[in-house]
Structures are given as structure tokens and as C-alpha cells.
């Protein structure tokens, strides 16, 4: 089994590790995540976990898909939590592998609470969230001293699948210079309308980043009032991030991934 010249905690039988797999690029996983991938007996993974990361899983491990995608048949959250408890009860070393970070819109807290209530020992391994790492791969910094000293991460839909009615749109629009929306593509028209109605400039730079940090990454940039139409025109599909703020304008100079001076050379 693979090993590293630094001490890492042992993955014990009957324990569950809730691990963030990052936004896509396998190079962004942590050493603890790699360690868990190599030693787990059972892996319960999400729809947003890149196949290249799944290829690193211990070949002897049992793999179970537990993806949740809007508008498509998905595993129920209580069933996923109960399955983790069941697998741990069998004495297996269980890896719950989630895209991004398990505690940022990843429902990792719900699963951890279920494990705690059931008396199952667990460890949380943070991952690079797409709202930071995915934007970086699009050439958009989460913060810049010239543009913002605050940022907000907002879910684009609530438990019902609709635009969250618990968000104070007026306060959000006025108080936070950079807004990053997860799972917002479906409701992007309404979200943009509410932000503009609350005082956000209609011509403020906005971007949609689809399949961030993967070979299929696509980025669309447009003014806030036009971003939803631009995403439709380009046939952008989820999973996608939406970012609103002046940091988007920095992409013209910071788009390192598509820059011929920094791009990786072609194989051969």
C-alpha cells in the first residue's frame, strides 16, 4: 500500500471519514484525502466527484454511488446517512467522498450529526471548495485588495429546489462586494433580478463557471443583467458556479489556464 514519509492518522475499522474531494482536478486533493482513498474498505461517493479521483480508490474497496443532482432521481439524505452507519457497523473503514468541501453546501454536517447520534466515530477532512478553487481555475480571485474585503457564499436553491426565501437580498446586495452562488444556474434570472432590484448595478461584471477545474471547464462572462441569457446562449450546464463582483473583471489578465504562456504542453 502507498505510504508517505510523514505520519498520517490511521483509518480504523468502524470509522467514517467525511472527505472533500475538491472541485475536480485530482491534484487539488489533500494528503489526508489521498490517504483515505488508498485505505478505505468502502467508498460512498457523490455525483460531483471527478472520475480521475475515483481511479485512485483502493481496488479492493466497495464503491457505492450516492449522488444528488437537481431534477434527477437522487439518493435520499437519510438513506445515505443510514448507509454510512450500516457500513461502519460492519467493521469497515468507510470513506464518504464529497465534491468540494463537505461542510460548505455539501450536507456533510447532516451526515456527521447522524454519525454522532449513532455513536459512530468520524473524521472530517476539508476539501478545496469550488467557490474558491473553481474560481481560481477560471482566473477569478475570490478576493483582491483592489476590489473587495468581503465575500459571501450563497446557495442558489433551498431544500424545496426554489430560490431561498430566507436570504435578505437587499442586505446581501448592498453589504457584500463579491457574491458566489452555488447551484444557482436554474434560477439565475430571478437571482439577478432580485440583486438588481436591491440596488446592485445592472452592468456589474458576472460570470458562470461550469465544471470548474476539470478538462470540460467553461466560463461565460457578462453584465449581471445579461448573465442568465448569456449562459443559455452558450448552453452552459450544471454543475456551475455564479460569481458577481468586480473581481470578475480581473479574469482578462488572470486567466492562467487558457494562457499559452502557462498552459501545460500537449502530450508527446
C-alpha atoms as a PDB file:
ATOM      1  CA  UNK A   1       0.000   0.000   0.000  1.00  0.00           C
ATOM      2  CA  UNK A   2       1.182   3.521  -0.778  1.00  0.00           C
ATOM      3  CA  UNK A   3       2.891   5.384   2.048  1.00  0.00           C
ATOM      4  CA  UNK A   4       4.213   8.857   2.746  1.00  0.00           C
ATOM      5  CA  UNK A   5       7.292   9.969   4.691  1.00  0.00           C
ATOM      6  CA  UNK A   6       5.083  11.884   7.155  1.00  0.00           C
ATOM      7  CA  UNK A   7       2.789  10.494   9.859  1.00  0.00           C
ATOM      8  CA  UNK A   8      -0.897  10.350   8.967  1.00  0.00           C
ATOM      9  CA  UNK A   9      -3.709   9.122  11.203  1.00  0.00           C
ATOM     10  CA  UNK A  10      -4.688   5.503  10.772  1.00  0.00           C
ATOM     11  CA  UNK A  11      -8.062   4.871   9.147  1.00  0.00           C
ATOM     12  CA  UNK A  12      -9.601   2.497  11.662  1.00  0.00           C
ATOM     13  CA  UNK A  13     -12.276  -0.184  11.126  1.00  0.00           C
ATOM     14  CA  UNK A  14     -15.740   1.042  12.058  1.00  0.00           C
ATOM     15  CA  UNK A  15     -14.806   4.675  11.451  1.00  0.00           C
ATOM     16  CA  UNK A  16     -16.180   7.044   8.800  1.00  0.00           C
ATOM     17  CA  UNK A  17     -14.121   9.744   7.137  1.00  0.00           C
ATOM     18  CA  UNK A  18     -16.076  12.605   5.554  1.00  0.00           C
ATOM     19  CA  UNK A  19     -13.670  13.798   2.881  1.00  0.00           C
ATOM     20  CA  UNK A  20     -13.779  16.726   0.484  1.00  0.00           C
ATOM     21  CA  UNK A  21     -12.524  15.808  -2.985  1.00  0.00           C
ATOM     22  CA  UNK A  22     -12.130  19.380  -4.196  1.00  0.00           C
ATOM     23  CA  UNK A  23     -13.674  20.906  -7.333  1.00  0.00           C
ATOM     24  CA  UNK A  24     -12.306  18.442  -9.887  1.00  0.00           C
ATOM     25  CA  UNK A  25      -8.585  18.429 -10.557  1.00  0.00           C
ATOM     26  CA  UNK A  26      -7.115  15.396  -8.710  1.00  0.00           C
ATOM     27  CA  UNK A  27      -4.033  17.457  -7.910  1.00  0.00           C
ATOM     28  CA  UNK A  28      -6.134  19.522  -5.512  1.00  0.00           C
ATOM     29  CA  UNK A  29      -6.950  16.709  -3.092  1.00  0.00           C
ATOM     30  CA  UNK A  30      -5.237  16.781   0.284  1.00  0.00           C
ATOM     31  CA  UNK A  31      -2.770  14.205   1.580  1.00  0.00           C
ATOM     32  CA  UNK A  32      -5.410  13.039   4.044  1.00  0.00           C
ATOM     33  CA  UNK A  33      -7.888  12.574   1.199  1.00  0.00           C
ATOM     34  CA  UNK A  34      -5.331  10.568  -0.788  1.00  0.00           C
ATOM     35  CA  UNK A  35      -4.585   8.507   2.314  1.00  0.00           C
ATOM     36  CA  UNK A  36      -8.292   7.718   2.756  1.00  0.00           C
ATOM     37  CA  UNK A  37      -8.714   6.811  -0.904  1.00  0.00           C
ATOM     38  CA  UNK A  38      -5.905   4.269  -0.635  1.00  0.00           C
ATOM     39  CA  UNK A  39      -7.029   2.669   2.655  1.00  0.00           C
ATOM     40  CA  UNK A  40     -10.840   2.686   2.672  1.00  0.00           C
ATOM     41  CA  UNK A  41     -12.789  -0.581   2.558  1.00  0.00           C
ATOM     42  CA  UNK A  42     -15.970   1.132   1.349  1.00  0.00           C
ATOM     43  CA  UNK A  43     -16.375   4.389  -0.577  1.00  0.00           C
ATOM     44  CA  UNK A  44     -19.713   6.206  -0.780  1.00  0.00           C
ATOM     45  CA  UNK A  45     -19.281   8.965  -3.341  1.00  0.00           C
ATOM     46  CA  UNK A  46     -21.153  11.924  -4.797  1.00  0.00           C
ATOM     47  CA  UNK A  47     -22.062  12.827  -8.369  1.00  0.00           C
ATOM     48  CA  UNK A  48     -19.574  15.705  -8.397  1.00  0.00           C
ATOM     49  CA  UNK A  49     -16.503  13.598  -7.618  1.00  0.00           C
ATOM     50  CA  UNK A  50     -14.217  13.539 -10.662  1.00  0.00           C
ATOM     51  CA  UNK A  51     -13.631  10.094 -12.205  1.00  0.00           C
ATOM     52  CA  UNK A  52      -9.868  10.670 -12.061  1.00  0.00           C
ATOM     53  CA  UNK A  53     -10.156  10.834  -8.274  1.00  0.00           C
ATOM     54  CA  UNK A  54     -12.260   7.684  -8.140  1.00  0.00           C
ATOM     55  CA  UNK A  55      -9.485   5.972 -10.086  1.00  0.00           C
ATOM     56  CA  UNK A  56      -7.277   6.433  -7.012  1.00  0.00           C
ATOM     57  CA  UNK A  57      -9.566   4.348  -4.788  1.00  0.00           C
ATOM     58  CA  UNK A  58      -8.207   1.170  -3.233  1.00  0.00           C
ATOM     59  CA  UNK A  59      -9.012  -1.501  -5.885  1.00  0.00           C
ATOM     60  CA  UNK A  60     -10.356  -3.829  -3.197  1.00  0.00           C
ATOM     61  CA  UNK A  61     -12.827  -1.276  -1.838  1.00  0.00           C
ATOM     62  CA  UNK A  62     -16.580  -1.488  -2.322  1.00  0.00           C
ATOM     63  CA  UNK A  63     -17.863   1.562  -4.211  1.00  0.00           C
ATOM     64  CA  UNK A  64     -21.387   2.920  -3.769  1.00  0.00           C
ATOM     65  CA  UNK A  65     -22.805   5.852  -5.701  1.00  0.00           C
ATOM     66  CA  UNK A  66     -24.906   8.273  -3.659  1.00  0.00           C
ATOM     67  CA  UNK A  67     -25.141  11.253  -5.984  1.00  0.00           C
ATOM     68  CA  UNK A  68     -27.710  14.011  -5.634  1.00  0.00           C
ATOM     69  CA  UNK A  69     -28.471  16.030  -8.777  1.00  0.00           C
ATOM     70  CA  UNK A  70     -31.291  18.530  -9.100  1.00  0.00           C
ATOM     71  CA  UNK A  71     -34.216  17.352 -11.228  1.00  0.00           C
ATOM     72  CA  UNK A  72     -32.919  13.780 -11.440  1.00  0.00           C
ATOM     73  CA  UNK A  73     -33.538  10.664  -9.336  1.00  0.00           C
ATOM     74  CA  UNK A  74     -31.284  11.011  -6.304  1.00  0.00           C
ATOM     75  CA  UNK A  75     -30.470   9.188  -3.128  1.00  0.00           C
ATOM     76  CA  UNK A  76     -32.379  10.442  -0.090  1.00  0.00           C
ATOM     77  CA  UNK A  77     -30.214  12.091   2.523  1.00  0.00           C
ATOM     78  CA  UNK A  78     -31.471   9.926   5.428  1.00  0.00           C
ATOM     79  CA  UNK A  79     -30.737   6.808   3.362  1.00  0.00           C
ATOM     80  CA  UNK A  80     -27.167   7.972   2.733  1.00  0.00           C
ATOM     81  CA  UNK A  81     -26.578   8.678   6.428  1.00  0.00           C
ATOM     82  CA  UNK A  82     -28.057   5.331   7.428  1.00  0.00           C
ATOM     83  CA  UNK A  83     -25.875   3.538   4.896  1.00  0.00           C
ATOM     84  CA  UNK A  84     -22.742   5.107   6.366  1.00  0.00           C
ATOM     85  CA  UNK A  85     -23.803   3.919   9.811  1.00  0.00           C
ATOM     86  CA  UNK A  86     -24.524   0.436   8.466  1.00  0.00           C
ATOM     87  CA  UNK A  87     -21.168   0.102   6.707  1.00  0.00           C
ATOM     88  CA  UNK A  88     -19.306   1.305   9.794  1.00  0.00           C
ATOM     89  CA  UNK A  89     -21.285  -1.205  11.861  1.00  0.00           C
ATOM     90  CA  UNK A  90     -19.868  -3.957   9.641  1.00  0.00           C
ATOM     91  CA  UNK A  91     -16.380  -3.002  10.807  1.00  0.00           C
ATOM     92  CA  UNK A  92     -15.399  -1.396   7.522  1.00  0.00           C
ATOM     93  CA  UNK A  93     -13.206   1.647   7.064  1.00  0.00           C
ATOM     94  CA  UNK A  94     -15.715   3.960   5.376  1.00  0.00           C
ATOM     95  CA  UNK A  95     -14.893   6.897   3.126  1.00  0.00           C
ATOM     96  CA  UNK A  96     -17.713   9.343   2.403  1.00  0.00           C
ATOM     97  CA  UNK A  97     -16.314  11.204  -0.597  1.00  0.00           C
ATOM     98  CA  UNK A  98     -17.902  14.531  -1.476  1.00  0.00           C
ATOM     99  CA  UNK A  99     -17.146  17.097  -4.160  1.00  0.00           C
ATOM    100  CA  UNK A 100     -15.636  20.353  -2.910  1.00  0.00           C
ATOM    101  CA  UNK A 101     -15.724  20.693   0.869  1.00  0.00           C
ATOM    102  CA  UNK A 102     -18.082  18.510   2.918  1.00  0.00           C
ATOM    103  CA  UNK A 103     -19.151  21.353   5.212  1.00  0.00           C
ATOM    104  CA  UNK A 104     -19.868  24.008   2.563  1.00  0.00           C
ATOM    105  CA  UNK A 105     -23.245  23.265   0.938  1.00  0.00           C
ATOM    106  CA  UNK A 106     -22.191  19.612   0.948  1.00  0.00           C
ATOM    107  CA  UNK A 107     -24.627  18.355   3.617  1.00  0.00           C
ATOM    108  CA  UNK A 108     -21.635  16.966   5.452  1.00  0.00           C
ATOM    109  CA  UNK A 109     -22.877  18.432   8.715  1.00  0.00           C
ATOM    110  CA  UNK A 110     -26.110  16.424   8.439  1.00  0.00           C
ATOM    111  CA  UNK A 111     -24.169  13.232   7.892  1.00  0.00           C
ATOM    112  CA  UNK A 112     -21.739  13.996  10.713  1.00  0.00           C
ATOM    113  CA  UNK A 113     -24.640  14.674  13.101  1.00  0.00           C
ATOM    114  CA  UNK A 114     -26.251  11.360  12.134  1.00  0.00           C
ATOM    115  CA  UNK A 115     -22.949   9.565  12.798  1.00  0.00           C
ATOM    116  CA  UNK A 116     -22.542  11.336  16.130  1.00  0.00           C
ATOM    117  CA  UNK A 117     -26.085  10.435  17.182  1.00  0.00           C
ATOM    118  CA  UNK A 118     -25.410   6.803  16.248  1.00  0.00           C
ATOM    119  CA  UNK A 119     -22.140   6.731  18.174  1.00  0.00           C
ATOM    120  CA  UNK A 120     -20.043   6.147  15.043  1.00  0.00           C
ATOM    121  CA  UNK A 121     -16.537   7.678  15.225  1.00  0.00           C
ATOM    122  CA  UNK A 122     -15.777  10.006  12.331  1.00  0.00           C
ATOM    123  CA  UNK A 123     -13.189  12.418  10.982  1.00  0.00           C
ATOM    124  CA  UNK A 124     -13.812  15.433   8.739  1.00  0.00           C
ATOM    125  CA  UNK A 125     -11.240  16.120   6.014  1.00  0.00           C
ATOM    126  CA  UNK A 126     -11.828  19.560   4.461  1.00  0.00           C
ATOM    127  CA  UNK A 127     -11.549  19.986   0.713  1.00  0.00           C
ATOM    128  CA  UNK A 128     -10.948  22.870  -1.668  1.00  0.00           C
ATOM    129  CA  UNK A 129     -14.384  24.343  -2.234  1.00  0.00           C
ATOM    130  CA  UNK A 130     -15.342  25.197  -5.798  1.00  0.00           C
ATOM    131  CA  UNK A 131     -16.243  28.746  -4.762  1.00  0.00           C
ATOM    132  CA  UNK A 132     -12.534  29.375  -4.198  1.00  0.00           C
ATOM    133  CA  UNK A 133     -10.629  26.728  -6.154  1.00  0.00           C
ATOM    134  CA  UNK A 134     -13.035  26.599  -9.083  1.00  0.00           C
ATOM    135  CA  UNK A 135     -12.957  30.359  -9.454  1.00  0.00           C
ATOM    136  CA  UNK A 136      -9.167  30.330  -9.327  1.00  0.00           C
ATOM    137  CA  UNK A 137      -9.144  27.891 -12.267  1.00  0.00           C
ATOM    138  CA  UNK A 138     -11.339  30.375 -14.115  1.00  0.00           C
ATOM    139  CA  UNK A 139      -8.862  33.185 -13.458  1.00  0.00           C
ATOM    140  CA  UNK A 140     -11.180  34.881 -10.957  1.00  0.00           C
ATOM    141  CA  UNK A 141      -9.780  35.526  -7.461  1.00  0.00           C
ATOM    142  CA  UNK A 142     -12.175  35.254  -4.535  1.00  0.00           C
ATOM    143  CA  UNK A 143     -10.671  38.417  -3.101  1.00  0.00           C
ATOM    144  CA  UNK A 144      -8.394  41.171  -4.290  1.00  0.00           C
ATOM    145  CA  UNK A 145      -7.213  44.130  -2.257  1.00  0.00           C
ATOM    146  CA  UNK A 146      -8.300  46.462  -5.068  1.00  0.00           C
ATOM    147  CA  UNK A 147     -11.864  45.153  -5.239  1.00  0.00           C
ATOM    148  CA  UNK A 148     -13.201  43.578  -2.048  1.00  0.00           C
ATOM    149  CA  UNK A 149     -12.577  42.918   1.618  1.00  0.00           C
ATOM    150  CA  UNK A 150     -15.605  40.636   1.984  1.00  0.00           C
ATOM    151  CA  UNK A 151     -17.202  37.762   0.108  1.00  0.00           C
ATOM    152  CA  UNK A 152     -20.403  35.767   0.566  1.00  0.00           C
ATOM    153  CA  UNK A 153     -21.154  32.188  -0.434  1.00  0.00           C
ATOM    154  CA  UNK A 154     -24.853  31.679  -1.150  1.00  0.00           C
ATOM    155  CA  UNK A 155     -26.863  28.643  -2.153  1.00  0.00           C
ATOM    156  CA  UNK A 156     -28.911  29.120  -5.314  1.00  0.00           C
ATOM    157  CA  UNK A 157     -31.780  26.975  -4.069  1.00  0.00           C
ATOM    158  CA  UNK A 158     -33.240  25.770  -0.786  1.00  0.00           C
ATOM    159  CA  UNK A 159     -34.460  22.326   0.259  1.00  0.00           C
ATOM    160  CA  UNK A 160     -37.545  22.709  -1.959  1.00  0.00           C
ATOM    161  CA  UNK A 161     -35.420  23.482  -5.031  1.00  0.00           C
ATOM    162  CA  UNK A 162     -36.623  27.089  -5.194  1.00  0.00           C
ATOM    163  CA  UNK A 163     -34.765  30.370  -4.670  1.00  0.00           C
ATOM    164  CA  UNK A 164     -34.090  30.687  -0.911  1.00  0.00           C
ATOM    165  CA  UNK A 165     -36.663  32.930   0.753  1.00  0.00           C
ATOM    166  CA  UNK A 166     -34.516  33.231   3.869  1.00  0.00           C
ATOM    167  CA  UNK A 167     -31.924  35.373   2.085  1.00  0.00           C
ATOM    168  CA  UNK A 168     -32.061  39.106   2.794  1.00  0.00           C
ATOM    169  CA  UNK A 169     -31.412  40.132  -0.800  1.00  0.00           C
ATOM    170  CA  UNK A 170     -31.311  43.858  -0.025  1.00  0.00           C
ATOM    171  CA  UNK A 171     -28.677  43.409   2.686  1.00  0.00           C
ATOM    172  CA  UNK A 172     -26.695  40.962   0.564  1.00  0.00           C
ATOM    173  CA  UNK A 173     -26.706  43.237  -2.481  1.00  0.00           C
ATOM    174  CA  UNK A 174     -25.590  46.288  -0.512  1.00  0.00           C
ATOM    175  CA  UNK A 175     -23.179  44.842   2.022  1.00  0.00           C
ATOM    176  CA  UNK A 176     -21.075  42.273   0.157  1.00  0.00           C
ATOM    177  CA  UNK A 177     -18.975  43.307  -2.863  1.00  0.00           C
ATOM    178  CA  UNK A 178     -18.439  39.751  -4.179  1.00  0.00           C
ATOM    179  CA  UNK A 179     -21.161  37.103  -4.235  1.00  0.00           C
ATOM    180  CA  UNK A 180     -20.586  33.464  -5.129  1.00  0.00           C
ATOM    181  CA  UNK A 181     -23.652  31.326  -5.779  1.00  0.00           C
ATOM    182  CA  UNK A 182     -23.643  27.540  -5.705  1.00  0.00           C
ATOM    183  CA  UNK A 183     -26.300  25.580  -7.626  1.00  0.00           C
ATOM    184  CA  UNK A 184     -27.830  28.791  -8.979  1.00  0.00           C
ATOM    185  CA  UNK A 185     -27.988  28.192 -12.735  1.00  0.00           C
ATOM    186  CA  UNK A 186     -31.644  27.160 -12.794  1.00  0.00           C
ATOM    187  CA  UNK A 187     -32.760  30.322 -11.005  1.00  0.00           C
ATOM    188  CA  UNK A 188     -30.165  32.737 -12.350  1.00  0.00           C
ATOM    189  CA  UNK A 189     -32.733  35.044 -13.989  1.00  0.00           C
ATOM    190  CA  UNK A 190     -34.584  35.538 -10.693  1.00  0.00           C
ATOM    191  CA  UNK A 191     -31.422  35.896  -8.666  1.00  0.00           C
ATOM    192  CA  UNK A 192     -30.049  38.585 -10.993  1.00  0.00           C
ATOM    193  CA  UNK A 193     -33.394  40.405 -10.962  1.00  0.00           C
ATOM    194  CA  UNK A 194     -33.533  40.408  -7.169  1.00  0.00           C
ATOM    195  CA  UNK A 195     -29.968  41.669  -6.846  1.00  0.00           C
ATOM    196  CA  UNK A 196     -30.587  44.495  -9.319  1.00  0.00           C
ATOM    197  CA  UNK A 197     -33.880  45.398  -7.639  1.00  0.00           C
ATOM    198  CA  UNK A 198     -31.986  45.572  -4.347  1.00  0.00           C
ATOM    199  CA  UNK A 199     -29.505  48.064  -5.788  1.00  0.00           C
ATOM    200  CA  UNK A 200     -26.821  46.011  -7.493  1.00  0.00           C
ATOM    201  CA  UNK A 201     -25.613  47.687 -10.744  1.00  0.00           C
ATOM    202  CA  UNK A 202     -27.097  46.026 -13.818  1.00  0.00           C
ATOM    203  CA  UNK A 203     -23.744  46.357 -15.605  1.00  0.00           C
ATOM    204  CA  UNK A 204     -21.686  44.802 -12.798  1.00  0.00           C
ATOM    205  CA  UNK A 205     -19.368  42.037 -14.062  1.00  0.00           C
ATOM    206  CA  UNK A 206     -20.656  38.499 -13.535  1.00  0.00           C
ATOM    207  CA  UNK A 207     -19.504  35.057 -14.593  1.00  0.00           C
ATOM    208  CA  UNK A 208     -20.751  31.493 -14.756  1.00  0.00           C
ATOM    209  CA  UNK A 209     -18.145  28.762 -14.341  1.00  0.00           C
ATOM    210  CA  UNK A 210     -19.299  25.310 -15.448  1.00  0.00           C
ATOM    211  CA  UNK A 211     -17.483  22.093 -14.455  1.00  0.00           C
ATOM    212  CA  UNK A 212     -14.764  24.077 -12.744  1.00  0.00           C
ATOM    213  CA  UNK A 213     -11.238  22.659 -12.523  1.00  0.00           C
ATOM    214  CA  UNK A 214     -11.952  19.853 -14.984  1.00  0.00           C
ATOM    215  CA  UNK A 215     -10.994  19.431 -18.650  1.00  0.00           C
ATOM    216  CA  UNK A 216     -14.605  20.341 -19.510  1.00  0.00           C
ATOM    217  CA  UNK A 217     -14.484  23.708 -17.729  1.00  0.00           C
ATOM    218  CA  UNK A 218     -16.316  26.546 -19.479  1.00  0.00           C
ATOM    219  CA  UNK A 219     -16.621  30.184 -18.425  1.00  0.00           C
ATOM    220  CA  UNK A 220     -19.137  32.795 -19.555  1.00  0.00           C
ATOM    221  CA  UNK A 221     -18.723  36.462 -18.590  1.00  0.00           C
ATOM    222  CA  UNK A 222     -21.419  39.134 -18.995  1.00  0.00           C
ATOM    223  CA  UNK A 223     -23.005  42.055 -17.135  1.00  0.00           C
ATOM    224  CA  UNK A 224     -25.258  40.974 -14.266  1.00  0.00           C
ATOM    225  CA  UNK A 225     -28.425  41.887 -16.180  1.00  0.00           C
ATOM    226  CA  UNK A 226     -27.368  39.680 -19.101  1.00  0.00           C
ATOM    227  CA  UNK A 227     -25.564  36.780 -17.425  1.00  0.00           C
ATOM    228  CA  UNK A 228     -28.520  34.360 -17.384  1.00  0.00           C
ATOM    229  CA  UNK A 229     -29.228  34.924 -21.087  1.00  0.00           C
ATOM    230  CA  UNK A 230     -25.530  34.557 -21.902  1.00  0.00           C
ATOM    231  CA  UNK A 231     -25.356  31.234 -20.055  1.00  0.00           C
ATOM    232  CA  UNK A 232     -28.376  29.941 -22.009  1.00  0.00           C
ATOM    233  CA  UNK A 233     -26.941  31.149 -25.285  1.00  0.00           C
ATOM    234  CA  UNK A 234     -23.728  29.218 -24.609  1.00  0.00           C
ATOM    235  CA  UNK A 235     -25.650  26.121 -23.478  1.00  0.00           C
ATOM    236  CA  UNK A 236     -23.951  26.141 -20.093  1.00  0.00           C
ATOM    237  CA  UNK A 237     -24.965  23.169 -17.962  1.00  0.00           C
ATOM    238  CA  UNK A 238     -24.604  22.376 -14.265  1.00  0.00           C
ATOM    239  CA  UNK A 239     -22.691  21.930 -12.120  1.00  0.00           C
ATOM    240  CA  UNK A 240     -21.946  25.624 -12.311  1.00  0.00           C
ATOM    241  CA  UNK A 241     -20.890  28.495 -10.078  1.00  0.00           C
ATOM    242  CA  UNK A 242     -22.035  32.074 -10.449  1.00  0.00           C
ATOM    243  CA  UNK A 243     -19.882  34.948  -9.257  1.00  0.00           C
ATOM    244  CA  UNK A 244     -20.895  38.619  -9.155  1.00  0.00           C
ATOM    245  CA  UNK A 245     -18.463  41.446  -8.463  1.00  0.00           C
ATOM    246  CA  UNK A 246     -15.545  43.461  -9.742  1.00  0.00           C
ATOM    247  CA  UNK A 247     -13.178  40.505  -9.268  1.00  0.00           C
ATOM    248  CA  UNK A 248     -14.668  39.079 -12.465  1.00  0.00           C
ATOM    249  CA  UNK A 249     -13.060  41.914 -14.446  1.00  0.00           C
ATOM    250  CA  UNK A 250      -9.625  40.637 -13.372  1.00  0.00           C
ATOM    251  CA  UNK A 251     -10.126  37.474 -15.426  1.00  0.00           C
ATOM    252  CA  UNK A 252      -8.862  39.271 -18.545  1.00  0.00           C
ATOM    253  CA  UNK A 253      -5.364  39.314 -17.007  1.00  0.00           C
ATOM    254  CA  UNK A 254      -5.536  36.340 -14.630  1.00  0.00           C
ATOM    255  CA  UNK A 255      -6.917  33.623 -16.909  1.00  0.00           C
ATOM    256  CA  UNK A 256      -3.820  31.472 -16.487  1.00  0.00           C
ATOM    257  CA  UNK A 257      -5.464  28.220 -17.573  1.00  0.00           C
ATOM    258  CA  UNK A 258      -6.040  29.425 -21.134  1.00  0.00           C
ATOM    259  CA  UNK A 259      -2.876  31.485 -21.335  1.00  0.00           C
ATOM    260  CA  UNK A 260      -0.425  29.971 -23.855  1.00  0.00           C
ATOM    261  CA  UNK A 261       2.456  31.073 -21.635  1.00  0.00           C
ATOM    262  CA  UNK A 262       1.255  28.993 -18.677  1.00  0.00           C
ATOM    263  CA  UNK A 263      -0.770  26.218 -20.294  1.00  0.00           C
ATOM    264  CA  UNK A 264       0.523  22.674 -19.986  1.00  0.00           C
ATOM    265  CA  UNK A 265       2.286  21.364 -23.104  1.00  0.00           C
ATOM    266  CA  UNK A 266       0.441  18.833 -25.210  1.00  0.00           C
ATOM    267  CA  UNK A 267       1.395  15.178 -24.609  1.00  0.00           C
ATOM    268  CA  UNK A 268       4.167  13.904 -26.849  1.00  0.00           C
END
